Amino acid sequence: MHISIFRTIYKNVIDNQRIELLLQRHNISFEKTLYDKGSRYKIASDNEDSINIFKKHLNMIYPQIAL
Protein backbone atom coordinates (compact mmCIF):
# COMPACT_ATOMS: atom_id res chain seq x y z
CA MET A 1 0.00 0.00 0.00
CA HIS A 2 1.36 3.41 -1.00
CA ILE A 3 0.10 6.52 0.80
CA SER A 4 0.61 10.14 -0.16
CA ILE A 5 -0.72 13.33 1.46
CA PHE A 6 -1.21 16.72 -0.12
CA ARG A 7 -3.07 19.91 0.71
CA THR A 8 -4.96 22.37 -1.43
CA ILE A 9 -5.47 26.05 -0.69
CA TYR A 10 -8.80 27.65 -1.60
CA LYS A 11 -7.22 30.62 -3.36
CA ASN A 12 -5.29 28.24 -5.65
CA VAL A 13 -7.87 25.48 -6.16
CA ILE A 14 -11.45 26.48 -6.81
CA ASP A 15 -12.81 23.14 -8.03
CA ASN A 16 -12.04 20.27 -5.63
CA GLN A 17 -14.46 18.03 -7.55
CA ARG A 18 -12.02 18.04 -10.47
CA ILE A 19 -9.30 16.61 -8.21
CA GLU A 20 -11.69 14.00 -6.81
CA LEU A 21 -12.79 12.94 -10.31
CA LEU A 22 -9.14 12.55 -11.27
CA LEU A 23 -8.56 10.35 -8.21
CA GLN A 24 -11.60 8.23 -9.03
CA ARG A 25 -10.55 7.94 -12.69
CA HIS A 26 -7.26 6.37 -11.56
CA ASN A 27 -9.03 4.07 -9.05
CA ILE A 28 -7.29 5.68 -6.09
CA SER A 29 -9.04 5.69 -2.72
CA PHE A 30 -8.80 8.87 -0.71
CA GLU A 31 -9.88 10.61 2.47
CA LYS A 32 -10.65 14.31 2.38
CA THR A 33 -10.51 16.63 5.38
CA LEU A 34 -11.74 20.21 5.13
CA TYR A 35 -9.92 23.10 6.78
CA ASP A 36 -10.55 26.85 6.81
CA LYS A 37 -7.88 27.49 4.19
CA GLY A 38 -8.37 24.42 2.01
CA SER A 39 -8.55 20.64 1.91
CA ARG A 40 -6.22 17.85 2.91
CA TYR A 41 -6.21 14.65 0.87
CA LYS A 42 -4.80 11.36 2.05
CA ILE A 43 -4.60 9.10 -0.96
CA ALA A 44 -3.83 5.39 -0.97
CA SER A 45 -3.24 2.97 -3.81
CA ASP A 46 -2.10 -0.61 -4.24
CA ASN A 47 0.62 0.37 -6.68
CA GLU A 48 2.88 3.38 -6.79
CA ASP A 49 2.50 3.82 -10.56
CA SER A 50 -1.12 4.96 -10.29
CA ILE A 51 -0.18 7.59 -7.70
CA ASN A 52 2.69 8.82 -9.89
CA ILE A 53 0.38 9.10 -12.92
CA PHE A 54 -2.17 10.96 -10.79
CA LYS A 55 0.51 13.37 -9.55
CA LYS A 56 1.64 14.02 -13.11
CA HIS A 57 -1.90 14.83 -14.27
CA LEU A 58 -2.61 16.95 -11.18
CA ASN A 59 0.60 18.89 -11.70
CA MET A 60 -0.48 19.71 -15.27
CA ILE A 61 -3.82 21.06 -14.02
CA TYR A 62 -2.62 22.73 -10.79
CA PRO A 63 1.16 23.37 -10.86
CA GLN A 64 0.93 25.34 -7.61
CA ILE A 65 0.07 22.22 -5.56
CA ALA A 66 3.18 20.70 -4.00
CA LEU A 67 3.15 16.90 -4.05
C-alpha atoms as a PDB file:
ATOM      1  CA  MET A   1       0.000   0.000   0.000  1.00  0.00           C
ATOM      2  CA  HIS A   2       1.360   3.405  -1.002  1.00  0.00           C
ATOM      3  CA  ILE A   3       0.104   6.518   0.800  1.00  0.00           C
ATOM      4  CA  SER A   4       0.608  10.142  -0.155  1.00  0.00           C
ATOM      5  CA  ILE A   5      -0.725  13.329   1.460  1.00  0.00           C
ATOM      6  CA  PHE A   6      -1.213  16.723  -0.121  1.00  0.00           C
ATOM      7  CA  ARG A   7      -3.072  19.910   0.710  1.00  0.00           C
ATOM      8  CA  THR A   8      -4.959  22.374  -1.429  1.00  0.00           C
ATOM      9  CA  ILE A   9      -5.468  26.049  -0.690  1.00  0.00           C
ATOM     10  CA  TYR A  10      -8.797  27.649  -1.601  1.00  0.00           C
ATOM     11  CA  LYS A  11      -7.218  30.622  -3.361  1.00  0.00           C
ATOM     12  CA  ASN A  12      -5.293  28.243  -5.654  1.00  0.00           C
ATOM     13  CA  VAL A  13      -7.866  25.477  -6.157  1.00  0.00           C
ATOM     14  CA  ILE A  14     -11.451  26.482  -6.808  1.00  0.00           C
ATOM     15  CA  ASP A  15     -12.806  23.137  -8.029  1.00  0.00           C
ATOM     16  CA  ASN A  16     -12.038  20.268  -5.632  1.00  0.00           C
ATOM     17  CA  GLN A  17     -14.458  18.035  -7.555  1.00  0.00           C
ATOM     18  CA  ARG A  18     -12.019  18.040 -10.471  1.00  0.00           C
ATOM     19  CA  ILE A  19      -9.302  16.610  -8.212  1.00  0.00           C
ATOM     20  CA  GLU A  20     -11.688  14.003  -6.814  1.00  0.00           C
ATOM     21  CA  LEU A  21     -12.786  12.938 -10.307  1.00  0.00           C
ATOM     22  CA  LEU A  22      -9.144  12.553 -11.271  1.00  0.00           C
ATOM     23  CA  LEU A  23      -8.562  10.350  -8.214  1.00  0.00           C
ATOM     24  CA  GLN A  24     -11.600   8.228  -9.033  1.00  0.00           C
ATOM     25  CA  ARG A  25     -10.552   7.937 -12.686  1.00  0.00           C
ATOM     26  CA  HIS A  26      -7.261   6.370 -11.555  1.00  0.00           C
ATOM     27  CA  ASN A  27      -9.026   4.072  -9.048  1.00  0.00           C
ATOM     28  CA  ILE A  28      -7.287   5.682  -6.086  1.00  0.00           C
ATOM     29  CA  SER A  29      -9.040   5.686  -2.723  1.00  0.00           C
ATOM     30  CA  PHE A  30      -8.799   8.873  -0.708  1.00  0.00           C
ATOM     31  CA  GLU A  31      -9.880  10.607   2.466  1.00  0.00           C
ATOM     32  CA  LYS A  32     -10.649  14.306   2.383  1.00  0.00           C
ATOM     33  CA  THR A  33     -10.507  16.625   5.382  1.00  0.00           C
ATOM     34  CA  LEU A  34     -11.737  20.213   5.131  1.00  0.00           C
ATOM     35  CA  TYR A  35      -9.917  23.102   6.781  1.00  0.00           C
ATOM     36  CA  ASP A  36     -10.552  26.853   6.808  1.00  0.00           C
ATOM     37  CA  LYS A  37      -7.881  27.489   4.185  1.00  0.00           C
ATOM     38  CA  GLY A  38      -8.365  24.419   2.008  1.00  0.00           C
ATOM     39  CA  SER A  39      -8.552  20.638   1.914  1.00  0.00           C
ATOM     40  CA  ARG A  40      -6.217  17.846   2.905  1.00  0.00           C
ATOM     41  CA  TYR A  41      -6.206  14.650   0.873  1.00  0.00           C
ATOM     42  CA  LYS A  42      -4.804  11.357   2.054  1.00  0.00           C
ATOM     43  CA  ILE A  43      -4.600   9.097  -0.964  1.00  0.00           C
ATOM     44  CA  ALA A  44      -3.831   5.386  -0.968  1.00  0.00           C
ATOM     45  CA  SER A  45      -3.236   2.969  -3.805  1.00  0.00           C
ATOM     46  CA  ASP A  46      -2.095  -0.612  -4.242  1.00  0.00           C
ATOM     47  CA  ASN A  47       0.623   0.374  -6.683  1.00  0.00           C
ATOM     48  CA  GLU A  48       2.880   3.383  -6.788  1.00  0.00           C
ATOM     49  CA  ASP A  49       2.498   3.819 -10.557  1.00  0.00           C
ATOM     50  CA  SER A  50      -1.124   4.958 -10.289  1.00  0.00           C
ATOM     51  CA  ILE A  51      -0.177   7.591  -7.696  1.00  0.00           C
ATOM     52  CA  ASN A  52       2.685   8.819  -9.890  1.00  0.00           C
ATOM     53  CA  ILE A  53       0.385   9.098 -12.922  1.00  0.00           C
ATOM     54  CA  PHE A  54      -2.167  10.962 -10.795  1.00  0.00           C
ATOM     55  CA  LYS A  55       0.512  13.372  -9.545  1.00  0.00           C
ATOM     56  CA  LYS A  56       1.636  14.018 -13.109  1.00  0.00           C
ATOM     57  CA  HIS A  57      -1.901  14.833 -14.270  1.00  0.00           C
ATOM     58  CA  LEU A  58      -2.612  16.946 -11.185  1.00  0.00           C
ATOM     59  CA  ASN A  59       0.602  18.893 -11.697  1.00  0.00           C
ATOM     60  CA  MET A  60      -0.480  19.712 -15.269  1.00  0.00           C
ATOM     61  CA  ILE A  61      -3.820  21.063 -14.016  1.00  0.00           C
ATOM     62  CA  TYR A  62      -2.621  22.726 -10.790  1.00  0.00           C
ATOM     63  CA  PRO A  63       1.156  23.369 -10.862  1.00  0.00           C
ATOM     64  CA  GLN A  64       0.930  25.343  -7.607  1.00  0.00           C
ATOM     65  CA  ILE A  65       0.066  22.223  -5.559  1.00  0.00           C
ATOM     66  CA  ALA A  66       3.181  20.702  -4.004  1.00  0.00           C
ATOM     67  CA  LEU A  67       3.154  16.905  -4.048  1.00  0.00           C
END
